[in-house]
Amino acid sequence: MRRAAVPTSVLLVLLACGRAERQAEAPPPPPPPPTLADFAGTWRSASVMEGSPDSIVSEFGGPAAEYGWQLTLPGRDPMPMQVWVQGDSLIAVSPKYESILRKGVAVQLRSAGVLKDGRLVGKLLATYDSTGGQALVQGTFTAERVE
């Protein structure tokens, strides 16, 4: 009986050591998700809407809080924006305003962007109030922090 007990206890010790080594090899935990503080500041953005060869340069930004964010389009007064962080993305929604691309048509922008190599890159969705309903147009943007 003693002979069986010794190999069993050696086996248990070896198994316990093997578990510790496997735990040490585990990858590091992922970084924490970003907060509004990571996106705070002023950003200069170039946006391109689907079907348009032109890019629109704008500025947007705000503090490390939900309130106080603004979107400024060329030749326009700043507009308040709603912003929040969802997962790794900054989500932003503009108020309705007269479109730059479609004169006399109201548009509202929704965007989702992620931080990548010091830039903010993402997708846009423009909802145009058109005759007979709404038209949706997708786009992309790249923004660099200026402040």
N, C-alpha and C. Protein backbone atom coordinates (compact mmCIF):
# COMPACT_ATOMS: atom_id res chain seq x y z
N MET A 1 0.80 -1.20 0.00
CA MET A 1 0.00 0.00 0.00
C MET A 1 0.84 1.26 0.00
N ARG A 2 1.95 1.23 0.71
CA ARG A 2 2.79 2.41 0.74
C ARG A 2 3.37 2.71 -0.63
N ARG A 3 3.67 1.70 -1.40
CA ARG A 3 4.21 1.94 -2.73
C ARG A 3 3.21 2.70 -3.61
N ALA A 4 1.95 2.42 -3.51
CA ALA A 4 0.94 3.10 -4.30
C ALA A 4 0.75 4.54 -3.83
N ALA A 5 0.91 4.81 -2.57
CA ALA A 5 0.70 6.15 -2.04
C ALA A 5 1.78 7.11 -2.50
N VAL A 6 3.03 6.66 -2.60
CA VAL A 6 4.13 7.53 -2.98
C VAL A 6 3.97 8.02 -4.43
N PRO A 7 3.76 7.11 -5.42
CA PRO A 7 3.60 7.62 -6.78
C PRO A 7 2.38 8.52 -6.93
N THR A 8 1.31 8.24 -6.21
CA THR A 8 0.12 9.08 -6.30
C THR A 8 0.41 10.48 -5.79
N SER A 9 1.13 10.60 -4.68
CA SER A 9 1.44 11.93 -4.15
C SER A 9 2.41 12.66 -5.07
N VAL A 10 3.34 11.97 -5.69
CA VAL A 10 4.25 12.60 -6.64
C VAL A 10 3.46 13.10 -7.85
N LEU A 11 2.52 12.29 -8.32
CA LEU A 11 1.69 12.70 -9.45
C LEU A 11 0.88 13.95 -9.11
N LEU A 12 0.32 14.04 -7.91
CA LEU A 12 -0.45 15.22 -7.51
C LEU A 12 0.42 16.48 -7.47
N VAL A 13 1.65 16.32 -6.98
CA VAL A 13 2.57 17.46 -6.94
C VAL A 13 2.90 17.92 -8.35
N LEU A 14 3.17 16.98 -9.26
CA LEU A 14 3.49 17.33 -10.63
C LEU A 14 2.31 18.01 -11.32
N LEU A 15 1.10 17.50 -11.08
CA LEU A 15 -0.08 18.13 -11.67
C LEU A 15 -0.27 19.56 -11.15
N ALA A 16 -0.06 19.76 -9.88
CA ALA A 16 -0.20 21.09 -9.29
C ALA A 16 0.83 22.06 -9.89
N CYS A 17 2.04 21.60 -10.09
CA CYS A 17 3.07 22.45 -10.70
C CYS A 17 2.72 22.76 -12.15
N GLY A 18 2.21 21.79 -12.86
CA GLY A 18 1.81 22.00 -14.25
C GLY A 18 0.72 23.05 -14.38
N ARG A 19 -0.23 23.07 -13.46
CA ARG A 19 -1.29 24.07 -13.48
C ARG A 19 -0.73 25.47 -13.27
N ALA A 20 0.21 25.61 -12.35
CA ALA A 20 0.81 26.92 -12.07
C ALA A 20 1.53 27.44 -13.31
N GLU A 21 2.22 26.56 -14.04
CA GLU A 21 2.92 26.98 -15.25
C GLU A 21 1.93 27.41 -16.32
N ARG A 22 0.82 26.70 -16.46
CA ARG A 22 -0.17 27.08 -17.47
C ARG A 22 -0.80 28.42 -17.12
N GLN A 23 -1.03 28.69 -15.85
CA GLN A 23 -1.60 29.97 -15.46
C GLN A 23 -0.62 31.11 -15.75
N ALA A 24 0.66 30.87 -15.58
CA ALA A 24 1.66 31.90 -15.83
C ALA A 24 1.74 32.23 -17.32
N GLU A 25 1.37 31.32 -18.19
CA GLU A 25 1.44 31.53 -19.63
C GLU A 25 0.20 32.21 -20.19
N ALA A 26 -0.78 32.46 -19.36
CA ALA A 26 -2.03 33.08 -19.84
C ALA A 26 -1.73 34.48 -20.38
N PRO A 27 -2.42 34.91 -21.43
CA PRO A 27 -2.19 36.26 -21.98
C PRO A 27 -2.62 37.32 -20.98
N PRO A 28 -2.05 38.50 -21.11
CA PRO A 28 -2.45 39.57 -20.19
C PRO A 28 -3.91 39.97 -20.45
N PRO A 29 -4.56 40.50 -19.44
CA PRO A 29 -5.96 40.91 -19.64
C PRO A 29 -6.02 42.06 -20.64
N PRO A 30 -7.14 42.20 -21.33
CA PRO A 30 -7.27 43.30 -22.29
C PRO A 30 -7.27 44.64 -21.56
N PRO A 31 -6.88 45.71 -22.26
CA PRO A 31 -6.91 47.02 -21.61
C PRO A 31 -8.35 47.41 -21.30
N PRO A 32 -8.52 48.29 -20.32
CA PRO A 32 -9.89 48.72 -20.00
C PRO A 32 -10.48 49.50 -21.17
N PRO A 33 -11.80 49.48 -21.32
CA PRO A 33 -12.41 50.23 -22.42
C PRO A 33 -12.18 51.73 -22.23
N PRO A 34 -12.19 52.48 -23.33
CA PRO A 34 -11.98 53.92 -23.20
C PRO A 34 -13.15 54.60 -22.50
N THR A 35 -12.87 55.78 -22.00
CA THR A 35 -13.89 56.62 -21.38
C THR A 35 -13.97 57.93 -22.17
N LEU A 36 -14.91 58.78 -21.83
CA LEU A 36 -15.01 60.08 -22.52
C LEU A 36 -13.72 60.88 -22.36
N ALA A 37 -13.00 60.68 -21.28
CA ALA A 37 -11.74 61.40 -21.08
C ALA A 37 -10.74 61.06 -22.19
N ASP A 38 -10.77 59.83 -22.69
CA ASP A 38 -9.86 59.43 -23.77
C ASP A 38 -10.18 60.14 -25.08
N PHE A 39 -11.42 60.59 -25.26
CA PHE A 39 -11.85 61.25 -26.49
C PHE A 39 -11.93 62.77 -26.34
N ALA A 40 -11.80 63.27 -25.12
CA ALA A 40 -11.96 64.71 -24.86
C ALA A 40 -10.95 65.52 -25.66
N GLY A 41 -11.37 66.73 -26.04
CA GLY A 41 -10.50 67.62 -26.80
C GLY A 41 -11.19 68.06 -28.07
N THR A 42 -10.42 68.69 -28.94
CA THR A 42 -10.95 69.15 -30.22
C THR A 42 -10.34 68.30 -31.33
N TRP A 43 -11.18 67.86 -32.23
CA TRP A 43 -10.77 67.00 -33.34
C TRP A 43 -11.10 67.67 -34.67
N ARG A 44 -10.18 67.61 -35.62
CA ARG A 44 -10.44 68.07 -36.99
C ARG A 44 -10.70 66.81 -37.81
N SER A 45 -11.84 66.80 -38.47
CA SER A 45 -12.32 65.60 -39.14
C SER A 45 -12.49 65.82 -40.63
N ALA A 46 -12.15 64.80 -41.42
CA ALA A 46 -12.45 64.78 -42.85
C ALA A 46 -13.43 63.64 -43.07
N SER A 47 -14.61 63.98 -43.58
CA SER A 47 -15.68 63.00 -43.79
C SER A 47 -15.97 62.87 -45.28
N VAL A 48 -16.23 61.65 -45.71
CA VAL A 48 -16.60 61.38 -47.10
C VAL A 48 -17.88 60.56 -47.07
N MET A 49 -18.90 61.08 -47.74
CA MET A 49 -20.18 60.38 -47.81
C MET A 49 -20.22 59.52 -49.07
N GLU A 50 -20.86 58.37 -48.97
CA GLU A 50 -21.00 57.45 -50.09
C GLU A 50 -21.58 58.19 -51.30
N GLY A 51 -20.98 58.01 -52.47
CA GLY A 51 -21.49 58.64 -53.68
C GLY A 51 -21.00 60.06 -53.89
N SER A 52 -20.19 60.59 -52.97
CA SER A 52 -19.68 61.94 -53.12
C SER A 52 -18.15 61.90 -53.16
N PRO A 53 -17.55 62.53 -54.16
CA PRO A 53 -16.09 62.53 -54.22
C PRO A 53 -15.46 63.54 -53.26
N ASP A 54 -16.28 64.46 -52.74
CA ASP A 54 -15.77 65.53 -51.89
C ASP A 54 -15.72 65.11 -50.43
N SER A 55 -14.70 65.62 -49.74
CA SER A 55 -14.67 65.41 -48.29
C SER A 55 -15.07 66.72 -47.63
N ILE A 56 -15.67 66.59 -46.47
CA ILE A 56 -16.10 67.75 -45.70
C ILE A 56 -15.23 67.81 -44.46
N VAL A 57 -14.58 68.95 -44.27
CA VAL A 57 -13.74 69.14 -43.10
C VAL A 57 -14.56 69.85 -42.03
N SER A 58 -14.55 69.30 -40.84
CA SER A 58 -15.29 69.90 -39.73
C SER A 58 -14.46 69.75 -38.47
N GLU A 59 -14.92 70.39 -37.42
CA GLU A 59 -14.31 70.21 -36.10
C GLU A 59 -15.40 69.81 -35.13
N PHE A 60 -15.02 68.96 -34.19
CA PHE A 60 -15.95 68.59 -33.13
C PHE A 60 -15.12 68.31 -31.89
N GLY A 61 -15.79 68.31 -30.78
CA GLY A 61 -15.09 67.99 -29.55
C GLY A 61 -15.83 68.46 -28.34
N GLY A 62 -15.22 68.15 -27.19
CA GLY A 62 -15.82 68.52 -25.94
C GLY A 62 -15.01 68.02 -24.77
N PRO A 63 -15.56 68.20 -23.58
CA PRO A 63 -14.87 67.81 -22.36
C PRO A 63 -15.03 66.31 -22.07
N ALA A 64 -14.47 65.88 -20.98
CA ALA A 64 -14.57 64.49 -20.54
C ALA A 64 -15.91 64.26 -19.85
N ALA A 65 -16.97 64.73 -20.47
CA ALA A 65 -18.33 64.60 -19.93
C ALA A 65 -19.31 64.51 -21.08
N GLU A 66 -20.51 64.06 -20.79
CA GLU A 66 -21.54 63.91 -21.82
C GLU A 66 -21.98 65.25 -22.41
N TYR A 67 -21.95 66.29 -21.62
CA TYR A 67 -22.48 67.57 -22.06
C TYR A 67 -21.35 68.53 -22.42
N GLY A 68 -21.61 69.37 -23.41
CA GLY A 68 -20.63 70.37 -23.81
C GLY A 68 -19.94 70.04 -25.12
N TRP A 69 -20.30 68.95 -25.78
CA TRP A 69 -19.71 68.59 -27.07
C TRP A 69 -20.38 69.39 -28.18
N GLN A 70 -19.55 69.81 -29.17
CA GLN A 70 -20.07 70.60 -30.27
C GLN A 70 -19.49 70.13 -31.60
N LEU A 71 -20.28 70.35 -32.65
CA LEU A 71 -19.87 70.10 -34.03
C LEU A 71 -19.86 71.44 -34.73
N THR A 72 -18.75 71.75 -35.43
CA THR A 72 -18.65 72.99 -36.18
C THR A 72 -18.35 72.67 -37.63
N LEU A 73 -19.27 73.04 -38.51
CA LEU A 73 -19.11 72.85 -39.95
C LEU A 73 -18.62 74.14 -40.58
N PRO A 74 -17.99 74.07 -41.75
CA PRO A 74 -17.47 75.29 -42.40
C PRO A 74 -18.55 76.35 -42.60
N GLY A 75 -18.27 77.55 -42.12
CA GLY A 75 -19.20 78.66 -42.31
C GLY A 75 -20.45 78.59 -41.46
N ARG A 76 -20.48 77.71 -40.46
CA ARG A 76 -21.67 77.54 -39.62
C ARG A 76 -21.31 77.78 -38.16
N ASP A 77 -22.36 78.12 -37.38
CA ASP A 77 -22.19 78.23 -35.94
C ASP A 77 -22.05 76.84 -35.34
N PRO A 78 -21.34 76.71 -34.21
CA PRO A 78 -21.23 75.39 -33.54
C PRO A 78 -22.61 74.88 -33.13
N MET A 79 -22.78 73.56 -33.23
CA MET A 79 -24.03 72.90 -32.84
C MET A 79 -23.74 71.93 -31.70
N PRO A 80 -24.64 71.81 -30.74
CA PRO A 80 -24.43 70.82 -29.67
C PRO A 80 -24.57 69.40 -30.22
N MET A 81 -23.83 68.49 -29.64
CA MET A 81 -23.90 67.08 -30.02
C MET A 81 -24.17 66.24 -28.78
N GLN A 82 -24.86 65.13 -28.97
CA GLN A 82 -25.00 64.14 -27.91
C GLN A 82 -23.87 63.14 -28.11
N VAL A 83 -23.16 62.78 -27.05
CA VAL A 83 -22.08 61.80 -27.15
C VAL A 83 -22.13 60.83 -25.97
N TRP A 84 -21.63 59.64 -26.21
CA TRP A 84 -21.43 58.65 -25.16
C TRP A 84 -20.44 57.61 -25.67
N VAL A 85 -19.90 56.83 -24.76
CA VAL A 85 -18.99 55.75 -25.12
C VAL A 85 -19.75 54.44 -24.99
N GLN A 86 -19.63 53.63 -26.02
CA GLN A 86 -20.23 52.30 -26.00
C GLN A 86 -19.16 51.32 -26.46
N GLY A 87 -18.76 50.41 -25.58
CA GLY A 87 -17.66 49.50 -25.90
C GLY A 87 -16.39 50.29 -26.10
N ASP A 88 -15.77 50.16 -27.27
CA ASP A 88 -14.55 50.91 -27.57
C ASP A 88 -14.81 52.14 -28.45
N SER A 89 -16.08 52.49 -28.66
CA SER A 89 -16.45 53.54 -29.62
C SER A 89 -17.03 54.78 -28.97
N LEU A 90 -16.71 55.93 -29.59
CA LEU A 90 -17.38 57.18 -29.26
C LEU A 90 -18.57 57.30 -30.20
N ILE A 91 -19.75 57.37 -29.65
CA ILE A 91 -20.98 57.52 -30.42
C ILE A 91 -21.40 58.98 -30.32
N ALA A 92 -21.72 59.58 -31.47
CA ALA A 92 -22.12 60.99 -31.49
C ALA A 92 -23.35 61.16 -32.40
N VAL A 93 -24.25 62.04 -31.97
CA VAL A 93 -25.46 62.35 -32.74
C VAL A 93 -25.60 63.86 -32.79
N SER A 94 -25.75 64.37 -34.01
CA SER A 94 -25.92 65.81 -34.19
C SER A 94 -27.40 66.15 -34.15
N PRO A 95 -27.72 67.44 -33.97
CA PRO A 95 -29.11 67.85 -34.18
C PRO A 95 -29.36 67.90 -35.69
N LYS A 96 -30.60 68.09 -36.09
CA LYS A 96 -30.89 68.29 -37.52
C LYS A 96 -30.41 69.68 -37.91
N TYR A 97 -29.84 69.78 -39.11
CA TYR A 97 -29.38 71.05 -39.64
C TYR A 97 -29.47 71.00 -41.16
N GLU A 98 -29.32 72.16 -41.81
CA GLU A 98 -29.36 72.18 -43.28
C GLU A 98 -28.08 71.55 -43.82
N SER A 99 -28.25 70.59 -44.71
CA SER A 99 -27.14 69.84 -45.28
C SER A 99 -26.20 70.74 -46.08
N ILE A 100 -24.92 70.44 -46.03
CA ILE A 100 -23.94 71.11 -46.88
C ILE A 100 -24.01 70.54 -48.29
N LEU A 101 -24.24 69.24 -48.40
CA LEU A 101 -24.25 68.57 -49.70
C LEU A 101 -25.57 68.69 -50.44
N ARG A 102 -26.67 68.80 -49.70
CA ARG A 102 -28.00 68.90 -50.32
C ARG A 102 -28.68 70.17 -49.82
N LYS A 103 -28.52 71.23 -50.56
CA LYS A 103 -29.06 72.55 -50.16
C LYS A 103 -30.56 72.47 -49.91
N GLY A 104 -30.98 73.07 -48.79
CA GLY A 104 -32.40 73.13 -48.45
C GLY A 104 -32.96 71.86 -47.85
N VAL A 105 -32.11 70.87 -47.59
CA VAL A 105 -32.57 69.59 -47.03
C VAL A 105 -31.99 69.44 -45.62
N ALA A 106 -32.84 69.06 -44.68
CA ALA A 106 -32.38 68.83 -43.31
C ALA A 106 -31.70 67.46 -43.22
N VAL A 107 -30.66 67.40 -42.41
CA VAL A 107 -29.91 66.16 -42.21
C VAL A 107 -29.54 66.02 -40.74
N GLN A 108 -29.41 64.79 -40.30
CA GLN A 108 -28.92 64.50 -38.96
C GLN A 108 -27.82 63.45 -39.10
N LEU A 109 -26.69 63.66 -38.43
CA LEU A 109 -25.57 62.72 -38.50
C LEU A 109 -25.47 61.88 -37.24
N ARG A 110 -25.15 60.61 -37.45
CA ARG A 110 -24.81 59.69 -36.36
C ARG A 110 -23.45 59.12 -36.71
N SER A 111 -22.57 59.03 -35.73
CA SER A 111 -21.24 58.49 -36.00
C SER A 111 -20.80 57.57 -34.87
N ALA A 112 -19.91 56.67 -35.24
CA ALA A 112 -19.26 55.78 -34.28
C ALA A 112 -17.79 55.72 -34.67
N GLY A 113 -16.91 56.08 -33.75
CA GLY A 113 -15.48 56.09 -34.05
C GLY A 113 -14.67 55.45 -32.95
N VAL A 114 -13.54 54.87 -33.35
CA VAL A 114 -12.62 54.24 -32.40
C VAL A 114 -11.25 54.91 -32.51
N LEU A 115 -10.50 54.88 -31.43
CA LEU A 115 -9.14 55.40 -31.44
C LEU A 115 -8.23 54.37 -32.09
N LYS A 116 -7.44 54.82 -33.07
CA LYS A 116 -6.52 53.94 -33.77
C LYS A 116 -5.27 54.73 -34.14
N ASP A 117 -4.15 54.36 -33.55
CA ASP A 117 -2.87 55.04 -33.82
C ASP A 117 -2.96 56.55 -33.62
N GLY A 118 -3.62 56.98 -32.55
CA GLY A 118 -3.72 58.39 -32.23
C GLY A 118 -4.79 59.15 -33.00
N ARG A 119 -5.47 58.49 -33.90
CA ARG A 119 -6.55 59.11 -34.66
C ARG A 119 -7.88 58.53 -34.23
N LEU A 120 -8.93 59.22 -34.61
CA LEU A 120 -10.29 58.73 -34.40
C LEU A 120 -10.83 58.39 -35.78
N VAL A 121 -11.17 57.13 -36.01
CA VAL A 121 -11.66 56.71 -37.33
C VAL A 121 -13.00 56.02 -37.13
N GLY A 122 -13.88 56.18 -38.13
CA GLY A 122 -15.17 55.54 -37.96
C GLY A 122 -16.10 55.71 -39.13
N LYS A 123 -17.36 55.43 -38.85
CA LYS A 123 -18.44 55.43 -39.85
C LYS A 123 -19.45 56.50 -39.49
N LEU A 124 -20.10 57.01 -40.52
CA LEU A 124 -21.17 58.01 -40.38
C LEU A 124 -22.44 57.47 -41.01
N LEU A 125 -23.55 57.92 -40.49
CA LEU A 125 -24.84 57.66 -41.12
C LEU A 125 -25.59 58.99 -41.14
N ALA A 126 -25.89 59.47 -42.36
CA ALA A 126 -26.64 60.72 -42.52
C ALA A 126 -28.08 60.37 -42.85
N THR A 127 -29.01 60.95 -42.09
CA THR A 127 -30.44 60.77 -42.35
C THR A 127 -30.97 62.07 -42.91
N TYR A 128 -31.30 62.06 -44.21
CA TYR A 128 -31.82 63.24 -44.90
C TYR A 128 -33.34 63.21 -44.90
N ASP A 129 -33.97 64.35 -44.59
CA ASP A 129 -35.42 64.49 -44.73
C ASP A 129 -35.70 64.79 -46.19
N SER A 130 -36.20 63.80 -46.90
CA SER A 130 -36.46 63.94 -48.33
C SER A 130 -37.95 63.99 -48.59
N THR A 131 -38.29 64.41 -49.78
CA THR A 131 -39.69 64.39 -50.18
C THR A 131 -40.17 62.95 -50.15
N GLY A 132 -41.24 62.70 -49.41
CA GLY A 132 -41.78 61.35 -49.34
C GLY A 132 -41.12 60.46 -48.32
N GLY A 133 -40.26 60.98 -47.44
CA GLY A 133 -39.64 60.14 -46.41
C GLY A 133 -38.23 60.56 -46.09
N GLN A 134 -37.47 59.59 -45.65
CA GLN A 134 -36.08 59.86 -45.29
C GLN A 134 -35.15 59.04 -46.17
N ALA A 135 -33.97 59.59 -46.42
CA ALA A 135 -32.94 58.89 -47.19
C ALA A 135 -31.72 58.72 -46.28
N LEU A 136 -31.15 57.53 -46.30
CA LEU A 136 -29.97 57.24 -45.49
C LEU A 136 -28.74 57.15 -46.40
N VAL A 137 -27.65 57.78 -45.98
CA VAL A 137 -26.39 57.72 -46.72
C VAL A 137 -25.28 57.44 -45.72
N GLN A 138 -24.45 56.46 -46.05
CA GLN A 138 -23.33 56.11 -45.18
C GLN A 138 -22.08 56.86 -45.59
N GLY A 139 -21.15 56.95 -44.67
CA GLY A 139 -19.87 57.59 -44.96
C GLY A 139 -18.82 57.14 -43.96
N THR A 140 -17.62 57.68 -44.13
CA THR A 140 -16.52 57.38 -43.22
C THR A 140 -15.87 58.69 -42.80
N PHE A 141 -15.13 58.65 -41.71
CA PHE A 141 -14.40 59.84 -41.28
C PHE A 141 -13.09 59.43 -40.62
N THR A 142 -12.14 60.36 -40.69
CA THR A 142 -10.89 60.25 -39.98
C THR A 142 -10.65 61.59 -39.31
N ALA A 143 -10.30 61.55 -38.03
CA ALA A 143 -10.12 62.80 -37.28
C ALA A 143 -8.79 62.77 -36.54
N GLU A 144 -8.17 63.95 -36.47
CA GLU A 144 -6.93 64.13 -35.71
C GLU A 144 -7.18 65.15 -34.62
N ARG A 145 -6.63 64.86 -33.45
CA ARG A 145 -6.79 65.77 -32.31
C ARG A 145 -5.96 67.03 -32.56
N VAL A 146 -6.59 68.20 -32.40
CA VAL A 146 -5.89 69.47 -32.56
C VAL A 146 -5.68 70.17 -31.23
N GLU A 147 -6.40 69.77 -30.21
CA GLU A 147 -6.23 70.33 -28.85
C GLU A 147 -6.50 69.26 -27.84
